[in-house]
PDB file of N, CA and C in Angstrom:
ATOM      1  N   VAL A   1     112.853  68.365  79.215  1.00  0.00           N
ATOM      2  CA  VAL A   1     112.040  69.183  78.324  1.00  0.00           C
ATOM      3  C   VAL A   1     112.456  70.651  78.393  1.00  0.00           C
ATOM      4  N   ILE A   2     112.673  71.171  79.611  1.00  0.00           N
ATOM      5  CA  ILE A   2     113.030  72.584  79.757  1.00  0.00           C
ATOM      6  C   ILE A   2     114.361  72.895  79.068  1.00  0.00           C
ATOM      7  N   LEU A   3     115.304  71.929  79.069  1.00  0.00           N
ATOM      8  CA  LEU A   3     116.581  72.169  78.401  1.00  0.00           C
ATOM      9  C   LEU A   3     116.381  72.360  76.905  1.00  0.00           C
ATOM     10  N   GLY A   4     115.493  71.571  76.316  1.00  0.00           N
ATOM     11  CA  GLY A   4     115.208  71.716  74.893  1.00  0.00           C
ATOM     12  C   GLY A   4     114.578  73.057  74.583  1.00  0.00           C
ATOM     13  N   VAL A   5     113.671  73.485  75.444  1.00  0.00           N
ATOM     14  CA  VAL A   5     113.016  74.780  75.267  1.00  0.00           C
ATOM     15  C   VAL A   5     114.049  75.897  75.394  1.00  0.00           C
ATOM     16  N   LYS A   6     114.909  75.791  76.388  1.00  0.00           N
ATOM     17  CA  LYS A   6     115.953  76.803  76.558  1.00  0.00           C
ATOM     18  C   LYS A   6     116.857  76.875  75.336  1.00  0.00           C
ATOM     19  N   SER A   7     117.208  75.740  74.779  1.00  0.00           N
ATOM     20  CA  SER A   7     118.068  75.722  73.583  1.00  0.00           C
ATOM     21  C   SER A   7     117.403  76.429  72.424  1.00  0.00           C
ATOM     22  N   VAL A   8     116.112  76.190  72.250  1.00  0.00           N
ATOM     23  CA  VAL A   8     115.364  76.842  71.168  1.00  0.00           C
ATOM     24  C   VAL A   8     115.304  78.347  71.406  1.00  0.00           C
ATOM     25  N   LEU A   9     115.000  78.753  72.626  1.00  0.00           N
ATOM     26  CA  LEU A   9     114.906  80.183  72.937  1.00  0.00           C
ATOM     27  C   LEU A   9     116.247  80.890  72.755  1.00  0.00           C
ATOM     28  N   LYS A  10     117.325  80.249  73.161  1.00  0.00           N
ATOM     29  CA  LYS A  10     118.650  80.854  72.988  1.00  0.00           C
ATOM     30  C   LYS A  10     119.028  80.935  71.509  1.00  0.00           C
ATOM     31  N   ALA A  11     118.655  79.944  70.740  1.00  0.00           N
ATOM     32  CA  ALA A  11     118.901  79.993  69.296  1.00  0.00           C
ATOM     33  C   ALA A  11     118.116  81.146  68.668  1.00  0.00           C
ATOM     34  N   GLN A  12     116.886  81.357  69.144  1.00  0.00           N
ATOM     35  CA  GLN A  12     116.085  82.476  68.639  1.00  0.00           C
ATOM     36  C   GLN A  12     116.730  83.817  68.988  1.00  0.00           C
ATOM     37  N   GLU A  13     117.341  83.895  70.165  1.00  0.00           N
ATOM     38  CA  GLU A  13     118.038  85.134  70.548  1.00  0.00           C
ATOM     39  C   GLU A  13     119.195  85.415  69.601  1.00  0.00           C
ATOM     40  N   LYS A  14     119.918  84.385  69.213  1.00  0.00           N
ATOM     41  CA  LYS A  14     121.029  84.565  68.271  1.00  0.00           C
ATOM     42  C   LYS A  14     120.517  85.062  66.912  1.00  0.00           C
ATOM     43  N   VAL A  15     119.387  84.524  66.474  1.00  0.00           N
ATOM     44  CA  VAL A  15     118.788  84.975  65.215  1.00  0.00           C
ATOM     45  C   VAL A  15     118.367  86.439  65.333  1.00  0.00           C
ATOM     46  N   THR A  16     117.733  86.775  66.440  1.00  0.00           N
ATOM     47  CA  THR A  16     117.303  88.163  66.650  1.00  0.00           C
ATOM     48  C   THR A  16     118.500  89.102  66.637  1.00  0.00           C
ATOM     49  N   ALA A  17     119.545  88.752  67.362  1.00  0.00           N
ATOM     50  CA  ALA A  17     120.743  89.601  67.393  1.00  0.00           C
ATOM     51  C   ALA A  17     121.338  89.742  65.988  1.00  0.00           C
ATOM     52  N   GLY A  18     121.420  88.654  65.268  1.00  0.00           N
ATOM     53  CA  GLY A  18     121.948  88.713  63.905  1.00  0.00           C
ATOM     54  C   GLY A  18     121.120  89.603  63.007  1.00  0.00           C
ATOM     55  N   THR A  19     119.813  89.546  63.176  1.00  0.00           N
ATOM     56  CA  THR A  19     118.903  90.379  62.389  1.00  0.00           C
ATOM     57  C   THR A  19     119.092  91.855  62.732  1.00  0.00           C
ATOM     58  N   LEU A  20     119.311  92.145  64.000  1.00  0.00           N
ATOM     59  CA  LEU A  20     119.524  93.535  64.412  1.00  0.00           C
ATOM     60  C   LEU A  20     120.877  94.069  63.943  1.00  0.00           C
ATOM     61  N   LEU A  21     121.877  93.203  63.883  1.00  0.00           N
ATOM     62  CA  LEU A  21     123.214  93.623  63.459  1.00  0.00           C
ATOM     63  C   LEU A  21     123.342  93.754  61.942  1.00  0.00           C
ATOM     64  N   ALA A  22     122.629  92.933  61.204  1.00  0.00           N
ATOM     65  CA  ALA A  22     122.800  92.834  59.748  1.00  0.00           C
ATOM     66  C   ALA A  22     122.726  94.160  58.991  1.00  0.00           C
ATOM     67  N   PRO A  23     121.786  95.059  59.311  1.00  0.00           N
ATOM     68  CA  PRO A  23     121.727  96.308  58.537  1.00  0.00           C
ATOM     69  C   PRO A  23     122.980  97.176  58.652  1.00  0.00           C
ATOM     70  N   TYR A  24     123.817  96.900  59.642  1.00  0.00           N
ATOM     71  CA  TYR A  24     125.003  97.706  59.877  1.00  0.00           C
ATOM     72  C   TYR A  24     126.302  96.969  59.560  1.00  0.00           C
ATOM     73  N   ASP A  25     126.183  95.757  59.034  1.00  0.00           N
ATOM     74  CA  ASP A  25     127.380  94.989  58.682  1.00  0.00           C
ATOM     75  C   ASP A  25     128.220  95.697  57.625  1.00  0.00           C
ATOM     76  N   TRP A  26     127.572  96.470  56.772  1.00  0.00           N
ATOM     77  CA  TRP A  26     128.324  97.132  55.710  1.00  0.00           C
ATOM     78  C   TRP A  26     129.360  98.107  56.273  1.00  0.00           C
ATOM     79  N   TYR A  27     129.099  98.660  57.444  1.00  0.00           N
ATOM     80  CA  TYR A  27     130.091  99.532  58.077  1.00  0.00           C
ATOM     81  C   TYR A  27     131.368  98.748  58.405  1.00  0.00           C
ATOM     82  N   VAL A  28     131.182  97.532  58.863  1.00  0.00           N
ATOM     83  CA  VAL A  28     132.324  96.686  59.222  1.00  0.00           C
ATOM     84  C   VAL A  28     133.121  96.320  57.963  1.00  0.00           C
ATOM     85  N   VAL A  29     132.405  95.995  56.901  1.00  0.00           N
ATOM     86  CA  VAL A  29     133.067  95.663  55.634  1.00  0.00           C
ATOM     87  C   VAL A  29     133.819  96.888  55.107  1.00  0.00           C
ATOM     88  N   ARG A  30     133.172  98.051  55.137  1.00  0.00           N
ATOM     89  CA  ARG A  30     133.823  99.277  54.662  1.00  0.00           C
ATOM     90  C   ARG A  30     135.075  99.578  55.485  1.00  0.00           C
ATOM     91  N   LYS A  31     135.002  99.369  56.783  1.00  0.00           N
ATOM     92  CA  LYS A  31     136.161  99.579  57.663  1.00  0.00           C
ATOM     93  C   LYS A  31     137.300  98.652  57.254  1.00  0.00           C
ATOM     94  N   ALA A  32     136.969  97.374  56.988  1.00  0.00           N
ATOM     95  CA  ALA A  32     137.988  96.398  56.603  1.00  0.00           C
ATOM     96  C   ALA A  32     138.596  96.720  55.241  1.00  0.00           C
ATOM     97  N   GLU A  33     137.754  97.159  54.314  1.00  0.00           N
ATOM     98  CA  GLU A  33     138.234  97.410  52.953  1.00  0.00           C
ATOM     99  C   GLU A  33     138.902  98.772  52.781  1.00  0.00           C
ATOM    100  N   LYS A  34     138.359  99.783  53.408  1.00  0.00           N
ATOM    101  CA  LYS A  34     138.809 101.153  53.156  1.00  0.00           C
ATOM    102  C   LYS A  34     139.339 101.877  54.386  1.00  0.00           C
ATOM    103  N   SER A  35     139.335 101.208  55.529  1.00  0.00           N
ATOM    104  CA  SER A  35     139.783 101.814  56.793  1.00  0.00           C
ATOM    105  C   SER A  35     138.962 103.041  57.179  1.00  0.00           C
ATOM    106  N   THR A  36     137.717 103.087  56.719  1.00  0.00           N
ATOM    107  CA  THR A  36     136.819 104.178  57.072  1.00  0.00           C
ATOM    108  C   THR A  36     136.223 103.891  58.442  1.00  0.00           C
ATOM    109  N   ALA A  37     136.311 104.849  59.315  1.00  0.00           N
ATOM    110  CA  ALA A  37     135.838 104.657  60.690  1.00  0.00           C
ATOM    111  C   ALA A  37     134.351 104.335  60.735  1.00  0.00           C
ATOM    112  N   ILE A  38     133.996 103.475  61.667  1.00  0.00           N
ATOM    113  CA  ILE A  38     132.594 103.163  61.935  1.00  0.00           C
ATOM    114  C   ILE A  38     132.084 104.226  62.900  1.00  0.00           C
ATOM    115  N   PRO A  39     130.939 104.862  62.610  1.00  0.00           N
ATOM    116  CA  PRO A  39     130.417 105.872  63.525  1.00  0.00           C
ATOM    117  C   PRO A  39     130.225 105.301  64.934  1.00  0.00           C
ATOM    118  N   THR A  40     130.522 106.111  65.921  1.00  0.00           N
ATOM    119  CA  THR A  40     130.426 105.687  67.311  1.00  0.00           C
ATOM    120  C   THR A  40     129.037 105.163  67.652  1.00  0.00           C
ATOM    121  N   ALA A  41     127.993 105.805  67.153  1.00  0.00           N
ATOM    122  CA  ALA A  41     126.629 105.359  67.449  1.00  0.00           C
ATOM    123  C   ALA A  41     126.398 103.930  66.950  1.00  0.00           C
ATOM    124  N   ILE A  42     126.991 103.590  65.827  1.00  0.00           N
ATOM    125  CA  ILE A  42     126.827 102.244  65.258  1.00  0.00           C
ATOM    126  C   ILE A  42     127.620 101.244  66.082  1.00  0.00           C
ATOM    127  N   THR A  43     128.846 101.569  66.432  1.00  0.00           N
ATOM    128  CA  THR A  43     129.670 100.677  67.251  1.00  0.00           C
ATOM    129  C   THR A  43     129.008 100.429  68.601  1.00  0.00           C
ATOM    130  N   THR A  44     128.513 101.492  69.216  1.00  0.00           N
ATOM    131  CA  THR A  44     127.844 101.372  70.512  1.00  0.00           C
ATOM    132  C   THR A  44     126.611 100.484  70.397  1.00  0.00           C
ATOM    133  N   TYR A  45     125.833 100.691  69.350  1.00  0.00           N
ATOM    134  CA  TYR A  45     124.635  99.879  69.128  1.00  0.00           C
ATOM    135  C   TYR A  45     124.991  98.410  68.934  1.00  0.00           C
ATOM    136  N   ARG A  46     125.961  98.140  68.075  1.00  0.00           N
ATOM    137  CA  ARG A  46     126.345  96.754  67.804  1.00  0.00           C
ATOM    138  C   ARG A  46     126.871  96.069  69.068  1.00  0.00           C
ATOM    139  N   ASP A  47     127.669  96.778  69.856  1.00  0.00           N
ATOM    140  CA  ASP A  47     128.143  96.223  71.125  1.00  0.00           C
ATOM    141  C   ASP A  47     126.966  95.957  72.061  1.00  0.00           C
ATOM    142  N   GLY A  48     126.015  96.879  72.089  1.00  0.00           N
ATOM    143  CA  GLY A  48     124.835  96.716  72.934  1.00  0.00           C
ATOM    144  C   GLY A  48     123.985  95.524  72.544  1.00  0.00           C
ATOM    145  N   VAL A  49     123.857  95.286  71.249  1.00  0.00           N
ATOM    146  CA  VAL A  49     123.090  94.129  70.775  1.00  0.00           C
ATOM    147  C   VAL A  49     123.766  92.841  71.234  1.00  0.00           C
ATOM    148  N   ARG A  50     125.065  92.763  71.057  1.00  0.00           N
ATOM    149  CA  ARG A  50     125.779  91.551  71.470  1.00  0.00           C
ATOM    150  C   ARG A  50     125.692  91.337  72.986  1.00  0.00           C
ATOM    151  N   THR A  51     125.841  92.406  73.739  1.00  0.00           N
ATOM    152  CA  THR A  51     125.745  92.307  75.203  1.00  0.00           C
ATOM    153  C   THR A  51     124.344  91.887  75.628  1.00  0.00           C
ATOM    154  N   ALA A  52     123.321  92.498  75.033  1.00  0.00           N
ATOM    155  CA  ALA A  52     121.940  92.150  75.378  1.00  0.00           C
ATOM    156  C   ALA A  52     121.649  90.694  75.048  1.00  0.00           C
ATOM    157  N   CYS A  53     122.120  90.229  73.911  1.00  0.00           N
ATOM    158  CA  CYS A  53     121.902  88.830  73.524  1.00  0.00           C
ATOM    159  C   CYS A  53     122.542  87.900  74.551  1.00  0.00           C
ATOM    160  N   ASP A  54     123.762  88.190  74.935  1.00  0.00           N
ATOM    161  CA  ASP A  54     124.461  87.366  75.919  1.00  0.00           C
ATOM    162  C   ASP A  54     123.709  87.372  77.258  1.00  0.00           C
ATOM    163  N   THR A  55     123.266  88.543  77.684  1.00  0.00           N
ATOM    164  CA  THR A  55     122.538  88.656  78.947  1.00  0.00           C
ATOM    165  C   THR A  55     121.214  87.906  78.879  1.00  0.00           C
ATOM    166  N   ARG A  56     120.507  88.045  77.760  1.00  0.00           N
ATOM    167  CA  ARG A  56     119.226  87.350  77.606  1.00  0.00           C
ATOM    168  C   ARG A  56     119.418  85.837  77.640  1.00  0.00           C
ATOM    169  N   GLU A  57     120.485  85.342  77.028  1.00  0.00           N
ATOM    170  CA  GLU A  57     120.760  83.903  77.075  1.00  0.00           C
ATOM    171  C   GLU A  57     121.026  83.457  78.512  1.00  0.00           C
ATOM    172  N   LYS A  58     121.738  84.269  79.271  1.00  0.00           N
ATOM    173  CA  LYS A  58     121.994  83.945  80.681  1.00  0.00           C
ATOM    174  C   LYS A  58     120.704  83.977  81.493  1.00  0.00           C
ATOM    175  N   GLU A  59     119.834  84.919  81.183  1.00  0.00           N
ATOM    176  CA  GLU A  59     118.545  84.989  81.869  1.00  0.00           C
ATOM    177  C   GLU A  59     117.707  83.746  81.570  1.00  0.00           C
ATOM    178  N   ILE A  60     117.762  83.283  80.329  1.00  0.00           N
ATOM    179  CA  ILE A  60     117.053  82.051  79.962  1.00  0.00           C
ATOM    180  C   ILE A  60     117.648  80.876  80.728  1.00  0.00           C
ATOM    181  N   ASP A  61     118.967  80.775  80.754  1.00  0.00           N
ATOM    182  CA  ASP A  61     119.631  79.676  81.462  1.00  0.00           C
ATOM    183  C   ASP A  61     119.287  79.663  82.952  1.00  0.00           C
ATOM    184  N   ALA A  62     119.067  80.832  83.526  1.00  0.00           N
ATOM    185  CA  ALA A  62     118.793  80.930  84.962  1.00  0.00           C
ATOM    186  C   ALA A  62     117.385  80.444  85.330  1.00  0.00           C
ATOM    187  N   CYS A  63     116.529  80.272  84.362  1.00  0.00           N
ATOM    188  CA  CYS A  63     115.157  79.808  84.640  1.00  0.00           C
ATOM    189  C   CYS A  63     115.176  78.320  84.970  1.00  0.00           C
ATOM    190  N   SER A  64     114.552  77.973  86.076  1.00  0.00           N
ATOM    191  CA  SER A  64     114.570  76.580  86.533  1.00  0.00           C
ATOM    192  C   SER A  64     113.393  75.762  86.029  1.00  0.00           C
ATOM    193  N   ASP A  65     112.355  76.431  85.533  1.00  0.00           N
ATOM    194  CA  ASP A  65     111.177  75.699  85.050  1.00  0.00           C
ATOM    195  C   ASP A  65     110.406  76.562  84.045  1.00  0.00           C
ATOM    196  N   THR A  66     109.363  75.984  83.498  1.00  0.00           N
ATOM    197  CA  THR A  66     108.566  76.678  82.482  1.00  0.00           C
ATOM    198  C   THR A  66     107.938  77.943  83.049  1.00  0.00           C
ATOM    199  N   ALA A  67     107.466  77.889  84.285  1.00  0.00           N
ATOM    200  CA  ALA A  67     106.852  79.066  84.900  1.00  0.00           C
ATOM    201  C   ALA A  67     107.836  80.228  84.964  1.00  0.00           C
ATOM    202  N   ALA A  68     109.080  79.929  85.259  1.00  0.00           N
ATOM    203  CA  ALA A  68     110.101  80.977  85.312  1.00  0.00           C
ATOM    204  C   ALA A  68     110.335  81.583  83.925  1.00  0.00           C
ATOM    205  N   LEU A  69     110.304  80.750  82.903  1.00  0.00           N
ATOM    206  CA  LEU A  69     110.452  81.257  81.529  1.00  0.00           C
ATOM    207  C   LEU A  69     109.268  82.150  81.156  1.00  0.00           C
ATOM    208  N   VAL A  70     108.071  81.728  81.525  1.00  0.00           N
ATOM    209  CA  VAL A  70     106.880  82.533  81.236  1.00  0.00           C
ATOM    210  C   VAL A  70     107.011  83.897  81.915  1.00  0.00           C
ATOM    211  N   THR A  71     107.448  83.902  83.163  1.00  0.00           N
ATOM    212  CA  THR A  71     107.646  85.167  83.885  1.00  0.00           C
ATOM    213  C   THR A  71     108.701  86.014  83.201  1.00  0.00           C
ATOM    214  N   LEU A  72     109.789  85.397  82.791  1.00  0.00           N
ATOM    215  CA  LEU A  72     110.871  86.127  82.130  1.00  0.00           C
ATOM    216  C   LEU A  72     110.378  86.842  80.884  1.00  0.00           C
ATOM    217  N   TYR A  73     109.533  86.187  80.111  1.00  0.00           N
ATOM    218  CA  TYR A  73     109.044  86.763  78.859  1.00  0.00           C
ATOM    219  C   TYR A  73     107.808  87.642  79.040  1.00  0.00           C
ATOM    220  N   SER A  74     107.350  87.794  80.274  1.00  0.00           N
ATOM    221  CA  SER A  74     106.161  88.604  80.556  1.00  0.00           C
ATOM    222  C   SER A  74     106.541  90.065  80.775  1.00  0.00           C
ATOM    223  N   ILE A  75     105.521  90.898  80.724  1.00  0.00           N
ATOM    224  CA  ILE A  75     105.670  92.320  80.996  1.00  0.00           C
ATOM    225  C   ILE A  75     105.100  92.593  82.386  1.00  0.00           C
ATOM    226  N   LYS A  76     105.806  93.403  83.151  1.00  0.00           N
ATOM    227  CA  LYS A  76     105.352  93.761  84.493  1.00  0.00           C
ATOM    228  C   LYS A  76     104.124  94.665  84.413  1.00  0.00           C
ATOM    229  N   GLU A  77     103.439  94.808  85.530  1.00  0.00           N
ATOM    230  CA  GLU A  77     102.246  95.651  85.577  1.00  0.00           C
ATOM    231  C   GLU A  77     102.533  97.097  85.195  1.00  0.00           C
ATOM    232  N   ASP A  78     103.754  97.560  85.469  1.00  0.00           N
ATOM    233  CA  ASP A  78     104.107  98.943  85.137  1.00  0.00           C
ATOM    234  C   ASP A  78     104.511  99.114  83.671  1.00  0.00           C
ATOM    235  N   GLY A  79     104.430  98.018  82.903  1.00  0.00           N
ATOM    236  CA  GLY A  79     104.726  98.082  81.478  1.00  0.00           C
ATOM    237  C   GLY A  79     106.178  97.807  81.113  1.00  0.00           C
ATOM    238  N   THR A  80     107.022  97.579  82.096  1.00  0.00           N
ATOM    239  CA  THR A  80     108.422  97.280  81.814  1.00  0.00           C
ATOM    240  C   THR A  80     108.611  95.775  81.649  1.00  0.00           C
ATOM    241  N   ALA A  81     109.667  95.433  80.976  1.00  0.00           N
ATOM    242  CA  ALA A  81     109.949  94.026  80.696  1.00  0.00           C
ATOM    243  C   ALA A  81     110.737  93.402  81.837  1.00  0.00           C
ATOM    244  N   ASN A  82     110.533  92.117  82.036  1.00  0.00           N
ATOM    245  CA  ASN A  82     111.329  91.358  83.001  1.00  0.00           C
ATOM    246  C   ASN A  82     112.693  91.015  82.419  1.00  0.00           C
ATOM    247  N   MET A  83     112.745  90.877  81.112  1.00  0.00           N
ATOM    248  CA  MET A  83     113.952  90.453  80.419  1.00  0.00           C
ATOM    249  C   MET A  83     114.713  91.670  79.902  1.00  0.00           C
ATOM    250  N   THR A  84     116.024  91.560  79.872  1.00  0.00           N
ATOM    251  CA  THR A  84     116.860  92.611  79.300  1.00  0.00           C
ATOM    252  C   THR A  84     116.385  92.906  77.878  1.00  0.00           C
ATOM    253  N   GLN A  85     116.331  94.174  77.526  1.00  0.00           N
ATOM    254  CA  GLN A  85     115.865  94.573  76.203  1.00  0.00           C
ATOM    255  C   GLN A  85     117.046  94.904  75.295  1.00  0.00           C
ATOM    256  N   TYR A  86     116.843  94.701  74.009  1.00  0.00           N
ATOM    257  CA  TYR A  86     117.856  95.088  73.034  1.00  0.00           C
ATOM    258  C   TYR A  86     117.866  96.620  72.927  1.00  0.00           C
ATOM    259  N   PRO A  87     119.027  97.197  72.597  1.00  0.00           N
ATOM    260  CA  PRO A  87     119.086  98.662  72.486  1.00  0.00           C
ATOM    261  C   PRO A  87     118.256  99.164  71.311  1.00  0.00           C
ATOM    262  N   ALA A  88     117.908 100.426  71.392  1.00  0.00           N
ATOM    263  CA  ALA A  88     117.164 101.056  70.300  1.00  0.00           C
ATOM    264  C   ALA A  88     118.079 101.234  69.090  1.00  0.00           C
ATOM    265  N   ASP A  89     117.523 101.015  67.920  1.00  0.00           N
ATOM    266  CA  ASP A  89     118.258 101.198  66.664  1.00  0.00           C
ATOM    267  C   ASP A  89     118.635 102.676  66.541  1.00  0.00           C
ATOM    268  N   PRO A  90     119.901 102.957  66.235  1.00  0.00           N
ATOM    269  CA  PRO A  90     120.328 104.365  66.162  1.00  0.00           C
ATOM    270  C   PRO A  90     119.665 105.143  65.024  1.00  0.00           C
ATOM    271  N   ASN A  91     119.062 104.458  64.077  1.00  0.00           N
ATOM    272  CA  ASN A  91     118.404 105.142  62.974  1.00  0.00           C
ATOM    273  C   ASN A  91     116.898 105.289  63.167  1.00  0.00           C
ATOM    274  N   ASP A  92     116.405 104.879  64.329  1.00  0.00           N
ATOM    275  CA  ASP A  92     114.971 105.043  64.615  1.00  0.00           C
ATOM    276  C   ASP A  92     114.695 106.401  65.223  1.00  0.00           C
TER     277      ASP A  92
END
């Protein structure tokens, strides 16, 4: 059962990462079509999203049971997350 849950959670992470990357895909297309440089802030953000997604999937895989998953998705008493967070959008 836990393997199925992990698969669903990891698939959701991929959707989240794709959603975060999508608003900036046009920079990649413009780079391919016109060789216009992608701003460093956008490249850094996109790399950060991919890295965070990969790390979050590994954190999910490391959970041995449902209780561990619940802890992973919980917030600590000090308000910080147990799970790696996605980077802040550069346009926020």
